[in-house]
Amino acid sequence: MRKYILGQLRSLSTLPGKQKTWVSQLKDEHLYELFLRLRNGETSRSIASVAQKKWEVNSDSSIHSTAQGISKFKKRISLLLLSEPEETLPSQSEAQEPTSPSQSPINDLEELEQVASRQYRRINQMMDEEQETGLKNLHLNRDIQALTALNKAITKRREWEMVHSGHNPVRQQKLQHQRDQLQKKFGDWLSTTDDEGRDRMLKASQHLMEMLEKNTITLERGPDGEYKIPREHK
């Protein structure tokens, strides 16, 4: 990820037809640190001071002039900065147990778990960046709190689903999703098929049901809990 971001930053630091700024001369580690500082919400003037004193660049210019270069660069990488939160998590007050599945803003438990998993990886990445650069991420505690609230909501949601359905909620939702997809595909097929095609489909379905009835075997469950073929069918 860092390599990809650096490539984007380096590419955007010099654009055809645009005035070249001192940012394009930064070393990779300083360019990436500049990105992290902007992402963390630091002002251009504050970063300009760091650049002159710590990185020892653009020392002949004023803080104001150096900050202007950072502001221009910030506009060029605005999409990278805006894409920093990979997911928009519910706030702690929003991530409460829903009264019913339909009242949840994100009512798919599997989707919530995927968001939590991605947010967990994102937080780990931010912590690695802190350790590598020594820069404290201003939003890390907020994101950890949001993840904690989301995990609590997932736990409550799972408990609610288990109590009301008696089955694994994620599996039930997957099955329902598959049923919905099959129903839609079948409906689409019916809408584009003539009467003759429907008749063939009906006859084939009836034949299939007859074959199933003739060849289906009801398994017996033994005292050990295992299913076995009845003796008369062996």
Protein backbone atom coordinates (compact mmCIF):
# COMPACT_ATOMS: atom_id res chain seq x y z
CA MET A 1 0.00 0.00 0.00
CA ARG A 2 2.79 2.45 0.90
CA LYS A 3 4.54 1.75 -2.41
CA TYR A 4 1.32 2.44 -4.32
CA ILE A 5 0.64 5.68 -2.42
CA LEU A 6 4.22 6.87 -2.93
CA GLY A 7 3.86 6.25 -6.65
CA GLN A 8 0.70 8.33 -6.74
CA LEU A 9 2.26 11.12 -4.66
CA ARG A 10 5.37 11.21 -6.84
CA SER A 11 3.26 11.32 -9.98
CA LEU A 12 1.07 14.13 -8.66
CA SER A 13 4.00 16.17 -7.37
CA THR A 14 4.84 17.13 -10.97
CA LEU A 15 2.03 17.62 -13.48
CA PRO A 16 2.44 18.63 -17.14
CA GLY A 17 1.63 22.31 -17.63
CA LYS A 18 1.60 22.98 -13.87
CA GLN A 19 4.15 24.94 -11.88
CA LYS A 20 6.73 22.65 -10.28
CA THR A 21 6.87 23.00 -6.49
CA TRP A 22 9.60 22.12 -3.99
CA VAL A 23 7.51 19.14 -2.88
CA SER A 24 8.59 17.21 -5.98
CA GLN A 25 12.20 17.27 -4.69
CA LEU A 26 11.38 15.55 -1.38
CA LYS A 27 12.81 12.17 -0.51
CA ASP A 28 10.38 9.28 -0.43
CA GLU A 29 10.25 9.12 3.37
CA HIS A 30 9.58 12.86 3.64
CA LEU A 31 7.00 12.80 0.86
CA TYR A 32 5.14 9.97 2.60
CA GLU A 33 5.36 11.76 5.94
CA LEU A 34 3.93 14.87 4.29
CA PHE A 35 0.99 12.77 3.08
CA LEU A 36 0.42 11.31 6.56
CA ARG A 37 0.55 14.73 8.19
CA LEU A 38 -1.99 16.12 5.71
CA ARG A 39 -4.19 13.07 6.22
CA ASN A 40 -4.02 13.57 9.97
CA GLY A 41 -5.32 17.11 9.60
CA GLU A 42 -2.17 19.17 10.22
CA THR A 43 -2.09 22.65 8.73
CA SER A 44 0.15 23.53 5.80
CA ARG A 45 1.97 26.10 7.94
CA SER A 46 2.73 23.53 10.65
CA ILE A 47 4.08 21.06 8.11
CA ALA A 48 6.09 23.83 6.44
CA SER A 49 7.85 24.46 9.75
CA VAL A 50 8.71 20.76 10.04
CA ALA A 51 9.97 20.69 6.45
CA GLN A 52 12.36 23.57 7.01
CA LYS A 53 13.60 22.60 10.48
CA LYS A 54 13.53 18.79 10.40
CA TRP A 55 13.83 17.89 6.71
CA GLU A 56 16.12 20.86 5.99
CA VAL A 57 14.41 21.70 2.70
CA ASN A 58 13.32 25.02 1.23
CA SER A 59 15.21 26.79 3.98
CA ASP A 60 15.77 29.89 1.86
CA SER A 61 12.04 30.54 1.58
CA SER A 62 9.60 31.94 4.11
CA ILE A 63 7.20 29.75 6.08
CA HIS A 64 4.35 31.35 4.14
CA SER A 65 5.88 30.47 0.76
CA THR A 66 6.67 26.91 1.86
CA ALA A 67 3.14 26.47 3.17
CA GLN A 68 1.74 27.65 -0.17
CA GLY A 69 3.60 24.82 -1.91
CA ILE A 70 2.07 22.33 0.51
CA SER A 71 -1.42 23.76 -0.02
CA LYS A 72 -1.07 23.39 -3.79
CA PHE A 73 0.10 19.82 -3.37
CA LYS A 74 -2.78 19.12 -0.98
CA LYS A 75 -5.26 20.07 -3.71
CA ARG A 76 -3.56 17.75 -6.18
CA ILE A 77 -3.79 14.74 -3.84
CA SER A 78 -7.24 15.59 -2.50
CA LEU A 79 -8.71 12.30 -3.76
CA LEU A 80 -6.06 10.30 -1.89
CA LEU A 81 -6.79 12.25 1.28
CA LEU A 82 -10.55 11.86 0.91
CA SER A 83 -10.27 8.10 0.37
CA GLU A 84 -8.39 7.63 3.63
CA PRO A 85 -11.38 6.27 5.61
CA GLU A 86 -11.94 2.95 3.77
CA GLU A 87 -15.39 2.59 5.29
CA THR A 88 -17.77 4.99 6.94
CA LEU A 89 -18.48 3.45 10.31
CA PRO A 90 -21.53 4.22 12.41
CA SER A 91 -20.89 6.40 15.43
CA GLN A 92 -21.08 4.84 18.87
CA SER A 93 -24.61 6.19 19.37
CA GLU A 94 -25.70 4.85 15.97
CA ALA A 95 -24.16 1.40 16.40
CA GLN A 96 -26.76 0.18 18.85
CA GLU A 97 -28.85 -2.97 18.75
CA PRO A 98 -31.70 -2.59 16.26
CA THR A 99 -35.21 -3.34 17.43
CA SER A 100 -35.68 -5.47 14.32
CA PRO A 101 -33.56 -6.24 11.25
CA SER A 102 -35.51 -3.80 9.08
CA GLN A 103 -34.70 -0.90 11.40
CA SER A 104 -30.92 -1.34 11.10
CA PRO A 105 -29.18 1.09 8.68
CA ILE A 106 -27.00 -1.86 7.65
CA ASN A 107 -29.19 -4.89 8.30
CA ASP A 108 -26.94 -7.56 6.82
CA LEU A 109 -24.86 -9.14 9.57
CA GLU A 110 -22.32 -10.50 7.12
CA GLU A 111 -21.79 -7.01 5.69
CA LEU A 112 -21.24 -5.59 9.18
CA GLU A 113 -18.66 -8.26 9.93
CA GLN A 114 -16.84 -7.49 6.68
CA VAL A 115 -16.76 -3.78 7.54
CA ALA A 116 -15.39 -4.59 11.02
CA SER A 117 -12.72 -6.85 9.52
CA ARG A 118 -11.59 -4.17 7.06
CA GLN A 119 -11.58 -1.53 9.78
CA TYR A 120 -9.46 -3.81 11.98
CA ARG A 121 -6.89 -4.14 9.18
CA ARG A 122 -7.02 -0.38 8.62
CA ILE A 123 -6.30 0.35 12.28
CA ASN A 124 -3.37 -2.08 12.23
CA GLN A 125 -2.00 -0.26 9.20
CA MET A 126 -2.32 3.09 10.96
CA MET A 127 -0.50 1.70 14.01
CA ASP A 128 2.29 0.37 11.79
CA GLU A 129 2.58 3.81 10.21
CA GLU A 130 2.84 5.40 13.65
CA GLN A 131 5.62 3.03 14.64
CA GLU A 132 7.45 3.51 11.35
CA THR A 133 7.28 7.30 11.15
CA GLY A 134 6.87 8.32 14.79
CA LEU A 135 3.85 10.41 13.80
CA LYS A 136 0.85 10.07 16.08
CA ASN A 137 -2.39 9.62 14.15
CA LEU A 138 -4.93 12.05 15.54
CA HIS A 139 -7.90 9.86 14.56
CA LEU A 140 -6.65 6.49 15.82
CA ASN A 141 -8.43 6.56 19.19
CA ARG A 142 -11.67 7.64 17.51
CA ASP A 143 -11.45 4.82 15.00
CA ILE A 144 -10.71 2.25 17.72
CA GLN A 145 -13.76 3.43 19.68
CA ALA A 146 -15.91 3.20 16.55
CA LEU A 147 -14.66 -0.34 15.89
CA THR A 148 -15.39 -1.32 19.50
CA ALA A 149 -18.92 0.04 19.21
CA LEU A 150 -19.40 -1.77 15.90
CA ASN A 151 -18.23 -5.08 17.38
CA LYS A 152 -20.68 -4.66 20.26
CA ALA A 153 -23.48 -4.00 17.78
CA ILE A 154 -22.49 -7.10 15.80
CA THR A 155 -22.53 -9.23 18.96
CA LYS A 156 -25.97 -7.93 19.95
CA ARG A 157 -27.21 -8.39 16.42
CA ARG A 158 -25.98 -11.97 16.32
CA GLU A 159 -27.63 -12.71 19.66
CA TRP A 160 -30.89 -11.16 18.46
CA GLU A 161 -30.84 -13.23 15.27
CA MET A 162 -30.02 -16.44 17.14
CA VAL A 163 -32.86 -15.92 19.62
CA HIS A 164 -35.46 -15.13 16.98
CA SER A 165 -34.47 -17.55 14.23
CA GLY A 166 -32.76 -20.37 16.10
CA HIS A 167 -30.21 -20.69 13.27
CA ASN A 168 -26.90 -19.24 12.31
CA PRO A 169 -27.92 -15.76 11.05
CA VAL A 170 -25.11 -15.40 8.52
CA ARG A 171 -25.94 -18.76 6.94
CA GLN A 172 -29.66 -17.92 6.88
CA GLN A 173 -29.00 -14.60 5.20
CA LYS A 174 -26.76 -16.27 2.59
CA LEU A 175 -29.45 -18.84 1.85
CA GLN A 176 -32.09 -16.13 1.54
CA HIS A 177 -29.83 -14.17 -0.78
CA GLN A 178 -29.38 -17.27 -2.94
CA ARG A 179 -33.14 -17.86 -3.00
CA ASP A 180 -33.75 -14.25 -4.05
CA GLN A 181 -31.18 -14.57 -6.85
CA LEU A 182 -32.71 -17.80 -8.14
CA GLN A 183 -36.19 -16.32 -8.01
CA LYS A 184 -35.04 -13.25 -9.94
CA LYS A 185 -33.25 -15.32 -12.58
CA PHE A 186 -36.30 -17.56 -12.98
CA GLY A 187 -38.59 -14.52 -13.23
CA ASP A 188 -36.31 -12.95 -15.84
CA TRP A 189 -36.33 -16.19 -17.82
CA LEU A 190 -40.12 -16.40 -17.72
CA SER A 191 -40.49 -12.82 -18.94
CA THR A 192 -38.35 -13.50 -22.02
CA THR A 193 -39.69 -16.98 -22.90
CA ASP A 194 -42.69 -17.77 -25.10
CA ASP A 195 -45.56 -20.13 -24.22
CA GLU A 196 -43.89 -23.09 -25.89
CA GLY A 197 -40.74 -22.62 -23.84
CA ARG A 198 -42.76 -22.36 -20.62
CA ASP A 199 -44.61 -25.58 -21.48
CA ARG A 200 -41.32 -27.41 -22.01
CA MET A 201 -40.03 -26.08 -18.73
CA LEU A 202 -43.21 -27.18 -16.92
CA LYS A 203 -43.04 -30.72 -18.37
CA ALA A 204 -39.35 -31.01 -17.48
CA SER A 205 -40.06 -29.83 -13.92
CA GLN A 206 -42.89 -32.34 -13.52
CA HIS A 207 -40.66 -35.15 -14.81
CA LEU A 208 -37.92 -34.12 -12.39
CA MET A 209 -40.33 -34.17 -9.45
CA GLU A 210 -41.57 -37.64 -10.44
CA MET A 211 -38.00 -38.93 -10.63
CA LEU A 212 -37.20 -37.43 -7.24
CA GLU A 213 -40.24 -39.03 -5.64
CA LYS A 214 -39.33 -42.45 -7.05
CA ASN A 215 -35.63 -42.32 -6.18
CA THR A 216 -35.51 -40.34 -2.95
CA ILE A 217 -34.43 -42.26 0.15
CA THR A 218 -35.24 -41.10 3.67
CA LEU A 219 -32.16 -41.58 5.84
CA GLU A 220 -32.41 -42.97 9.35
CA ARG A 221 -30.62 -41.31 12.24
CA GLY A 222 -28.86 -43.75 14.57
CA PRO A 223 -28.27 -43.41 18.32
CA ASP A 224 -24.80 -42.00 17.60
CA GLY A 225 -26.37 -39.10 15.70
CA GLU A 226 -25.11 -40.29 12.31
CA TYR A 227 -27.47 -40.69 9.35
CA LYS A 228 -27.61 -44.12 7.70
CA ILE A 229 -29.29 -45.69 4.66
CA PRO A 230 -32.22 -47.93 5.71
CA ARG A 231 -31.54 -51.65 5.38
CA GLU A 232 -34.24 -52.21 2.77
CA HIS A 233 -32.37 -49.90 0.39
CA LYS A 234 -28.97 -51.49 0.84
